[in-house]
Structure formats: C-alpha cells, structure tokens
C-alpha cells in the first residue's frame, strides 16, 4: 500500500522516502528480534534479573522510537 501511495505521489510521498522509512522499520525489528532470539543469549546474560532485562528492553524500544520519530521528521522535510 505504501508503494502504491508513493507511485501516485499521494501527499508528496516519494519512493526514496519509502525506502528510508522501511530501513528504519527493518532496523527496529532486526534489533528487537536479536534481543529476543535465544542464540544471542541476551536474556541469559541478565540471569535472574527480570527487572533489569525489562528496563534494558524498554530502553531499546524508547531510544529506537525516538530515533524513528526524529528521522521521520527530518526526512519528511528534506526530500530527495
């Protein structure tokens, strides 16, 4: 659907904006998946400290969301 909007130029959306937006979504879900995946042993490194693990996971989500919001605003102003 987003590709369709970019191809018709809906609200000034360009194909470059779509690729940049998708990059940040892949970055978020890739990092979030790495934290949750067992072979990376992130949860095991916290052993029994569930509060510390949840704080670290919350910090990841907060910082990545802040980066996404900033980058979305920046790239919506500076179109290519």
PDB file of N, CA and C in Angstrom:
ATOM      1  N   UNK A   1       0.813  -1.181   0.000  1.00  0.00           N
ATOM      2  CA  UNK A   1       0.000   0.000   0.000  1.00  0.00           C
ATOM      3  C   UNK A   1       0.867   1.261   0.000  1.00  0.00           C
ATOM      4  N   UNK A   2       1.943   1.242   0.786  1.00  0.00           N
ATOM      5  CA  UNK A   2       2.810   2.425   0.808  1.00  0.00           C
ATOM      6  C   UNK A   2       3.486   2.635  -0.539  1.00  0.00           C
ATOM      7  N   UNK A   3       3.833   1.548  -1.205  1.00  0.00           N
ATOM      8  CA  UNK A   3       4.425   1.686  -2.533  1.00  0.00           C
ATOM      9  C   UNK A   3       3.417   2.270  -3.507  1.00  0.00           C
ATOM     10  N   UNK A   4       2.164   1.881  -3.401  1.00  0.00           N
ATOM     11  CA  UNK A   4       1.124   2.444  -4.262  1.00  0.00           C
ATOM     12  C   UNK A   4       0.968   3.939  -4.031  1.00  0.00           C
ATOM     13  N   UNK A   5       0.987   4.364  -2.759  1.00  0.00           N
ATOM     14  CA  UNK A   5       0.899   5.793  -2.456  1.00  0.00           C
ATOM     15  C   UNK A   5       2.077   6.563  -3.018  1.00  0.00           C
ATOM     16  N   UNK A   6       3.266   5.960  -2.970  1.00  0.00           N
ATOM     17  CA  UNK A   6       4.431   6.673  -3.484  1.00  0.00           C
ATOM     18  C   UNK A   6       4.404   6.763  -5.005  1.00  0.00           C
ATOM     19  N   UNK A   7       3.880   5.739  -5.664  1.00  0.00           N
ATOM     20  CA  UNK A   7       3.840   5.762  -7.123  1.00  0.00           C
ATOM     21  C   UNK A   7       2.838   6.780  -7.665  1.00  0.00           C
ATOM     22  N   UNK A   8       1.762   7.027  -6.913  1.00  0.00           N
ATOM     23  CA  UNK A   8       0.805   8.034  -7.375  1.00  0.00           C
ATOM     24  C   UNK A   8       1.114   9.414  -6.819  1.00  0.00           C
ATOM     25  N   UNK A   9       2.145   9.489  -5.961  1.00  0.00           N
ATOM     26  CA  UNK A   9       2.554  10.781  -5.427  1.00  0.00           C
ATOM     27  C   UNK A   9       1.589  11.346  -4.403  1.00  0.00           C
ATOM     28  N   UNK A  10       0.945  10.483  -3.639  1.00  0.00           N
ATOM     29  CA  UNK A  10      -0.049  10.902  -2.659  1.00  0.00           C
ATOM     30  C   UNK A  10       0.606  11.699  -1.541  1.00  0.00           C
ATOM     31  N   UNK A  11       0.167  12.931  -1.343  1.00  0.00           N
ATOM     32  CA  UNK A  11       0.651  13.834  -0.311  1.00  0.00           C
ATOM     33  C   UNK A  11       2.165  14.046  -0.374  1.00  0.00           C
ATOM     34  N   UNK A  12       2.719  14.040  -1.554  1.00  0.00           N
ATOM     35  CA  UNK A  12       4.137  14.318  -1.735  1.00  0.00           C
ATOM     36  C   UNK A  12       5.054  13.173  -1.366  1.00  0.00           C
ATOM     37  N   UNK A  13       4.511  11.988  -1.233  1.00  0.00           N
ATOM     38  CA  UNK A  13       5.307  10.832  -0.863  1.00  0.00           C
ATOM     39  C   UNK A  13       6.133  10.386  -2.054  1.00  0.00           C
ATOM     40  N   UNK A  14       7.417  10.170  -1.839  1.00  0.00           N
ATOM     41  CA  UNK A  14       8.313   9.744  -2.918  1.00  0.00           C
ATOM     42  C   UNK A  14       8.835   8.348  -2.623  1.00  0.00           C
ATOM     43  N   UNK A  15       9.332   7.687  -3.638  1.00  0.00           N
ATOM     44  CA  UNK A  15       9.842   6.328  -3.476  1.00  0.00           C
ATOM     45  C   UNK A  15      11.035   6.322  -2.520  1.00  0.00           C
ATOM     46  N   UNK A  16      11.863   7.348  -2.556  1.00  0.00           N
ATOM     47  CA  UNK A  16      13.021   7.424  -1.671  1.00  0.00           C
ATOM     48  C   UNK A  16      12.582   7.459  -0.208  1.00  0.00           C
ATOM     49  N   UNK A  17      11.507   8.193   0.089  1.00  0.00           N
ATOM     50  CA  UNK A  17      11.003   8.249   1.459  1.00  0.00           C
ATOM     51  C   UNK A  17      10.565   6.869   1.923  1.00  0.00           C
ATOM     52  N   UNK A  18       9.990   6.094   1.026  1.00  0.00           N
ATOM     53  CA  UNK A  18       9.535   4.745   1.376  1.00  0.00           C
ATOM     54  C   UNK A  18      10.712   3.866   1.731  1.00  0.00           C
ATOM     55  N   UNK A  19      11.779   3.925   0.937  1.00  0.00           N
ATOM     56  CA  UNK A  19      12.946   3.098   1.219  1.00  0.00           C
ATOM     57  C   UNK A  19      13.599   3.486   2.540  1.00  0.00           C
ATOM     58  N   UNK A  20      13.659   4.770   2.833  1.00  0.00           N
ATOM     59  CA  UNK A  20      14.245   5.218   4.091  1.00  0.00           C
ATOM     60  C   UNK A  20      13.376   4.784   5.266  1.00  0.00           C
ATOM     61  N   UNK A  21      12.070   4.933   5.147  1.00  0.00           N
ATOM     62  CA  UNK A  21      11.167   4.502   6.210  1.00  0.00           C
ATOM     63  C   UNK A  21      11.233   3.010   6.456  1.00  0.00           C
ATOM     64  N   UNK A  22      11.294   2.223   5.398  1.00  0.00           N
ATOM     65  CA  UNK A  22      11.393   0.781   5.552  1.00  0.00           C
ATOM     66  C   UNK A  22      12.717   0.367   6.175  1.00  0.00           C
ATOM     67  N   UNK A  23      13.786   1.121   5.896  1.00  0.00           N
ATOM     68  CA  UNK A  23      15.077   0.819   6.508  1.00  0.00           C
ATOM     69  C   UNK A  23      14.982   0.932   8.028  1.00  0.00           C
ATOM     70  N   UNK A  24      14.307   1.970   8.525  1.00  0.00           N
ATOM     71  CA  UNK A  24      14.209   2.139   9.972  1.00  0.00           C
ATOM     72  C   UNK A  24      13.311   1.083  10.600  1.00  0.00           C
ATOM     73  N   UNK A  25      12.289   0.633   9.888  1.00  0.00           N
ATOM     74  CA  UNK A  25      11.468  -0.457  10.414  1.00  0.00           C
ATOM     75  C   UNK A  25      12.273  -1.744  10.489  1.00  0.00           C
ATOM     76  N   UNK A  26      13.080  -2.022   9.469  1.00  0.00           N
ATOM     77  CA  UNK A  26      13.919  -3.220   9.475  1.00  0.00           C
ATOM     78  C   UNK A  26      14.944  -3.130  10.593  1.00  0.00           C
ATOM     79  N   UNK A  27      15.498  -1.945  10.812  1.00  0.00           N
ATOM     80  CA  UNK A  27      16.469  -1.746  11.889  1.00  0.00           C
ATOM     81  C   UNK A  27      15.835  -2.039  13.245  1.00  0.00           C
ATOM     82  N   UNK A  28      14.626  -1.541  13.453  1.00  0.00           N
ATOM     83  CA  UNK A  28      13.946  -1.771  14.736  1.00  0.00           C
ATOM     84  C   UNK A  28      13.641  -3.241  14.943  1.00  0.00           C
ATOM     85  N   UNK A  29      12.981  -3.868  13.979  1.00  0.00           N
ATOM     86  CA  UNK A  29      12.582  -5.255  14.164  1.00  0.00           C
ATOM     87  C   UNK A  29      13.775  -6.203  14.140  1.00  0.00           C
ATOM     88  N   UNK A  30      14.830  -5.840  13.422  1.00  0.00           N
ATOM     89  CA  UNK A  30      16.046  -6.656  13.449  1.00  0.00           C
ATOM     90  C   UNK A  30      16.706  -6.633  14.815  1.00  0.00           C
ATOM     91  N   UNK A  31      16.830  -5.452  15.389  1.00  0.00           N
ATOM     92  CA  UNK A  31      17.420  -5.338  16.723  1.00  0.00           C
ATOM     93  C   UNK A  31      16.538  -5.942  17.796  1.00  0.00           C
ATOM     94  N   UNK A  32      15.249  -5.711  17.702  1.00  0.00           N
ATOM     95  CA  UNK A  32      14.315  -6.275  18.677  1.00  0.00           C
ATOM     96  C   UNK A  32      14.313  -7.796  18.591  1.00  0.00           C
ATOM     97  N   UNK A  33      14.371  -8.320  17.378  1.00  0.00           N
ATOM     98  CA  UNK A  33      14.431  -9.770  17.208  1.00  0.00           C
ATOM     99  C   UNK A  33      15.730 -10.356  17.734  1.00  0.00           C
ATOM    100  N   UNK A  34      16.836  -9.625  17.574  1.00  0.00           N
ATOM    101  CA  UNK A  34      18.116 -10.103  18.098  1.00  0.00           C
ATOM    102  C   UNK A  34      18.089 -10.159  19.620  1.00  0.00           C
ATOM    103  N   UNK A  35      17.404  -9.211  20.245  1.00  0.00           N
ATOM    104  CA  UNK A  35      17.301  -9.230  21.706  1.00  0.00           C
ATOM    105  C   UNK A  35      16.479 -10.430  22.168  1.00  0.00           C
ATOM    106  N   UNK A  36      15.426 -10.750  21.441  1.00  0.00           N
ATOM    107  CA  UNK A  36      14.538 -11.828  21.861  1.00  0.00           C
ATOM    108  C   UNK A  36      14.991 -13.214  21.418  1.00  0.00           C
ATOM    109  N   UNK A  37      15.907 -13.297  20.458  1.00  0.00           N
ATOM    110  CA  UNK A  37      16.337 -14.584  19.922  1.00  0.00           C
ATOM    111  C   UNK A  37      17.272 -15.290  20.902  1.00  0.00           C
ATOM    112  N   UNK A  38      17.039 -16.563  21.097  1.00  0.00           N
ATOM    113  CA  UNK A  38      17.807 -17.339  22.071  1.00  0.00           C
ATOM    114  C   UNK A  38      19.307 -17.435  21.752  1.00  0.00           C
ATOM    115  N   UNK A  39      19.741 -17.636  20.497  1.00  0.00           N
ATOM    116  CA  UNK A  39      21.184 -17.791  20.258  1.00  0.00           C
ATOM    117  C   UNK A  39      22.034 -16.570  20.636  1.00  0.00           C
ATOM    118  N   UNK A  40      21.455 -15.388  20.690  1.00  0.00           N
ATOM    119  CA  UNK A  40      22.230 -14.211  21.088  1.00  0.00           C
ATOM    120  C   UNK A  40      22.424 -14.140  22.603  1.00  0.00           C
ATOM    121  N   UNK A  41      21.639 -14.894  23.347  1.00  0.00           N
ATOM    122  CA  UNK A  41      21.741 -15.038  24.794  1.00  0.00           C
ATOM    123  C   UNK A  41      21.700 -13.711  25.555  1.00  0.00           C
ATOM    124  N   UNK A  42      20.874 -12.801  25.080  1.00  0.00           N
ATOM    125  CA  UNK A  42      20.719 -11.530  25.793  1.00  0.00           C
ATOM    126  C   UNK A  42      19.974 -11.755  27.102  1.00  0.00           C
ATOM    127  N   UNK A  43      18.910 -12.532  27.048  1.00  0.00           N
ATOM    128  CA  UNK A  43      18.137 -12.784  28.264  1.00  0.00           C
ATOM    129  C   UNK A  43      18.957 -13.576  29.281  1.00  0.00           C
ATOM    130  N   UNK A  44      19.776 -14.501  28.818  1.00  0.00           N
ATOM    131  CA  UNK A  44      20.598 -15.286  29.727  1.00  0.00           C
ATOM    132  C   UNK A  44      21.668 -14.442  30.405  1.00  0.00           C
ATOM    133  N   UNK A  45      22.097 -13.370  29.753  1.00  0.00           N
ATOM    134  CA  UNK A  45      23.115 -12.520  30.368  1.00  0.00           C
ATOM    135  C   UNK A  45      22.571 -11.767  31.577  1.00  0.00           C
ATOM    136  N   UNK A  46      21.254 -11.611  31.647  1.00  0.00           N
ATOM    137  CA  UNK A  46      20.638 -10.973  32.809  1.00  0.00           C
ATOM    138  C   UNK A  46      20.318 -11.990  33.902  1.00  0.00           C
ATOM    139  N   UNK A  47      20.491 -13.252  33.642  1.00  0.00           N
ATOM    140  CA  UNK A  47      20.182 -14.382  34.531  1.00  0.00           C
ATOM    141  C   UNK A  47      18.821 -14.202  35.210  1.00  0.00           C
ATOM    142  N   UNK A  48      18.786 -13.919  36.490  1.00  0.00           N
ATOM    143  CA  UNK A  48      17.502 -13.815  37.196  1.00  0.00           C
ATOM    144  C   UNK A  48      17.032 -12.384  37.379  1.00  0.00           C
ATOM    145  N   UNK A  49      17.729 -11.434  36.808  1.00  0.00           N
ATOM    146  CA  UNK A  49      17.363 -10.018  36.968  1.00  0.00           C
ATOM    147  C   UNK A  49      16.329  -9.630  35.910  1.00  0.00           C
ATOM    148  N   UNK A  50      15.084  -9.992  36.146  1.00  0.00           N
ATOM    149  CA  UNK A  50      13.998  -9.729  35.195  1.00  0.00           C
ATOM    150  C   UNK A  50      13.738  -8.231  35.075  1.00  0.00           C
ATOM    151  N   UNK A  51      13.845  -7.511  36.186  1.00  0.00           N
ATOM    152  CA  UNK A  51      13.606  -6.059  36.157  1.00  0.00           C
ATOM    153  C   UNK A  51      14.660  -5.370  35.292  1.00  0.00           C
ATOM    154  N   UNK A  52      15.913  -5.776  35.425  1.00  0.00           N
ATOM    155  CA  UNK A  52      16.973  -5.198  34.598  1.00  0.00           C
ATOM    156  C   UNK A  52      16.786  -5.516  33.122  1.00  0.00           C
ATOM    157  N   UNK A  53      16.359  -6.744  32.832  1.00  0.00           N
ATOM    158  CA  UNK A  53      16.095  -7.132  31.440  1.00  0.00           C
ATOM    159  C   UNK A  53      14.959  -6.300  30.854  1.00  0.00           C
ATOM    160  N   UNK A  54      13.883  -6.138  31.614  1.00  0.00           N
ATOM    161  CA  UNK A  54      12.754  -5.341  31.132  1.00  0.00           C
ATOM    162  C   UNK A  54      13.142  -3.874  30.974  1.00  0.00           C
ATOM    163  N   UNK A  55      13.976  -3.357  31.874  1.00  0.00           N
ATOM    164  CA  UNK A  55      14.439  -1.972  31.734  1.00  0.00           C
ATOM    165  C   UNK A  55      15.298  -1.800  30.489  1.00  0.00           C
ATOM    166  N   UNK A  56      16.174  -2.768  30.233  1.00  0.00           N
ATOM    167  CA  UNK A  56      17.013  -2.705  29.034  1.00  0.00           C
ATOM    168  C   UNK A  56      16.199  -2.799  27.755  1.00  0.00           C
ATOM    169  N   UNK A  57      15.222  -3.677  27.760  1.00  0.00           N
ATOM    170  CA  UNK A  57      14.344  -3.832  26.597  1.00  0.00           C
ATOM    171  C   UNK A  57      13.502  -2.579  26.385  1.00  0.00           C
ATOM    172  N   UNK A  58      13.009  -2.014  27.480  1.00  0.00           N
ATOM    173  CA  UNK A  58      12.245  -0.764  27.384  1.00  0.00           C
ATOM    174  C   UNK A  58      13.094   0.384  26.884  1.00  0.00           C
ATOM    175  N   UNK A  59      14.360   0.437  27.326  1.00  0.00           N
ATOM    176  CA  UNK A  59      15.264   1.485  26.841  1.00  0.00           C
ATOM    177  C   UNK A  59      15.507   1.335  25.346  1.00  0.00           C
ATOM    178  N   UNK A  60      15.659   0.098  24.869  1.00  0.00           N
ATOM    179  CA  UNK A  60      15.850  -0.137  23.432  1.00  0.00           C
ATOM    180  C   UNK A  60      14.650   0.379  22.635  1.00  0.00           C
ATOM    181  N   UNK A  61      13.450   0.033  23.091  1.00  0.00           N
ATOM    182  CA  UNK A  61      12.241   0.452  22.387  1.00  0.00           C
ATOM    183  C   UNK A  61      12.101   1.975  22.430  1.00  0.00           C
ATOM    184  N   UNK A  62      12.383   2.583  23.585  1.00  0.00           N
ATOM    185  CA  UNK A  62      12.276   4.036  23.722  1.00  0.00           C
ATOM    186  C   UNK A  62      13.266   4.762  22.822  1.00  0.00           C
ATOM    187  N   UNK A  63      14.521   4.343  22.834  1.00  0.00           N
ATOM    188  CA  UNK A  63      15.540   5.023  22.040  1.00  0.00           C
ATOM    189  C   UNK A  63      15.312   4.811  20.541  1.00  0.00           C
ATOM    190  N   UNK A  64      14.901   3.622  20.165  1.00  0.00           N
ATOM    191  CA  UNK A  64      14.652   3.380  18.756  1.00  0.00           C
ATOM    192  C   UNK A  64      13.427   4.139  18.271  1.00  0.00           C
ATOM    193  N   UNK A  65      12.422   4.249  19.120  1.00  0.00           N
ATOM    194  CA  UNK A  65      11.230   5.028  18.751  1.00  0.00           C
ATOM    195  C   UNK A  65      11.579   6.505  18.611  1.00  0.00           C
ATOM    196  N   UNK A  66      12.411   7.016  19.506  1.00  0.00           N
ATOM    197  CA  UNK A  66      12.835   8.412  19.413  1.00  0.00           C
ATOM    198  C   UNK A  66      13.637   8.645  18.135  1.00  0.00           C
ATOM    199  N   UNK A  67      14.491   7.698  17.787  1.00  0.00           N
ATOM    200  CA  UNK A  67      15.269   7.810  16.542  1.00  0.00           C
ATOM    201  C   UNK A  67      14.340   7.778  15.339  1.00  0.00           C
ATOM    202  N   UNK A  68      13.338   6.908  15.379  1.00  0.00           N
ATOM    203  CA  UNK A  68      12.403   6.819  14.265  1.00  0.00           C
ATOM    204  C   UNK A  68      11.607   8.112  14.098  1.00  0.00           C
ATOM    205  N   UNK A  69      11.150   8.681  15.208  1.00  0.00           N
ATOM    206  CA  UNK A  69      10.377   9.928  15.141  1.00  0.00           C
ATOM    207  C   UNK A  69      11.238  11.056  14.609  1.00  0.00           C
ATOM    208  N   UNK A  70      12.475  11.156  15.091  1.00  0.00           N
ATOM    209  CA  UNK A  70      13.370  12.220  14.611  1.00  0.00           C
ATOM    210  C   UNK A  70      13.667  12.047  13.128  1.00  0.00           C
ATOM    211  N   UNK A  71      14.008  10.835  12.725  1.00  0.00           N
ATOM    212  CA  UNK A  71      14.352  10.595  11.319  1.00  0.00           C
ATOM    213  C   UNK A  71      13.147  10.794  10.412  1.00  0.00           C
ATOM    214  N   UNK A  72      11.965  10.431  10.881  1.00  0.00           N
ATOM    215  CA  UNK A  72      10.764  10.649  10.071  1.00  0.00           C
ATOM    216  C   UNK A  72      10.534  12.131   9.840  1.00  0.00           C
ATOM    217  N   UNK A  73      10.698  12.924  10.881  1.00  0.00           N
ATOM    218  CA  UNK A  73      10.540  14.372  10.727  1.00  0.00           C
ATOM    219  C   UNK A  73      11.610  14.974   9.847  1.00  0.00           C
ATOM    220  N   UNK A  74      12.850  14.519  10.018  1.00  0.00           N
ATOM    221  CA  UNK A  74      13.957  15.058   9.230  1.00  0.00           C
ATOM    222  C   UNK A  74      13.782  14.739   7.749  1.00  0.00           C
ATOM    223  N   UNK A  75      13.478  13.483   7.442  1.00  0.00           N
ATOM    224  CA  UNK A  75      13.385  13.101   6.039  1.00  0.00           C
ATOM    225  C   UNK A  75      12.088  13.537   5.382  1.00  0.00           C
ATOM    226  N   UNK A  76      11.072  13.901   6.173  1.00  0.00           N
ATOM    227  CA  UNK A  76       9.875  14.451   5.553  1.00  0.00           C
ATOM    228  C   UNK A  76      10.100  15.900   5.140  1.00  0.00           C
ATOM    229  N   UNK A  77      11.009  16.585   5.845  1.00  0.00           N
ATOM    230  CA  UNK A  77      11.341  17.976   5.480  1.00  0.00           C
ATOM    231  C   UNK A  77      12.357  18.010   4.358  1.00  0.00           C
ATOM    232  N   UNK A  78      13.381  17.165   4.448  1.00  0.00           N
ATOM    233  CA  UNK A  78      14.463  17.124   3.456  1.00  0.00           C
ATOM    234  C   UNK A  78      14.198  16.013   2.456  1.00  0.00           C
ATOM    235  N   UNK A  79      13.382  16.291   1.474  1.00  0.00           N
ATOM    236  CA  UNK A  79      13.104  15.272   0.454  1.00  0.00           C
ATOM    237  C   UNK A  79      14.234  15.252  -0.564  1.00  0.00           C
ATOM    238  N   UNK A  80      14.368  14.142  -1.209  1.00  0.00           N
ATOM    239  CA  UNK A  80      15.485  13.965  -2.152  1.00  0.00           C
ATOM    240  C   UNK A  80      15.030  14.190  -3.564  1.00  0.00           C
TER     241      UNK A  80
END
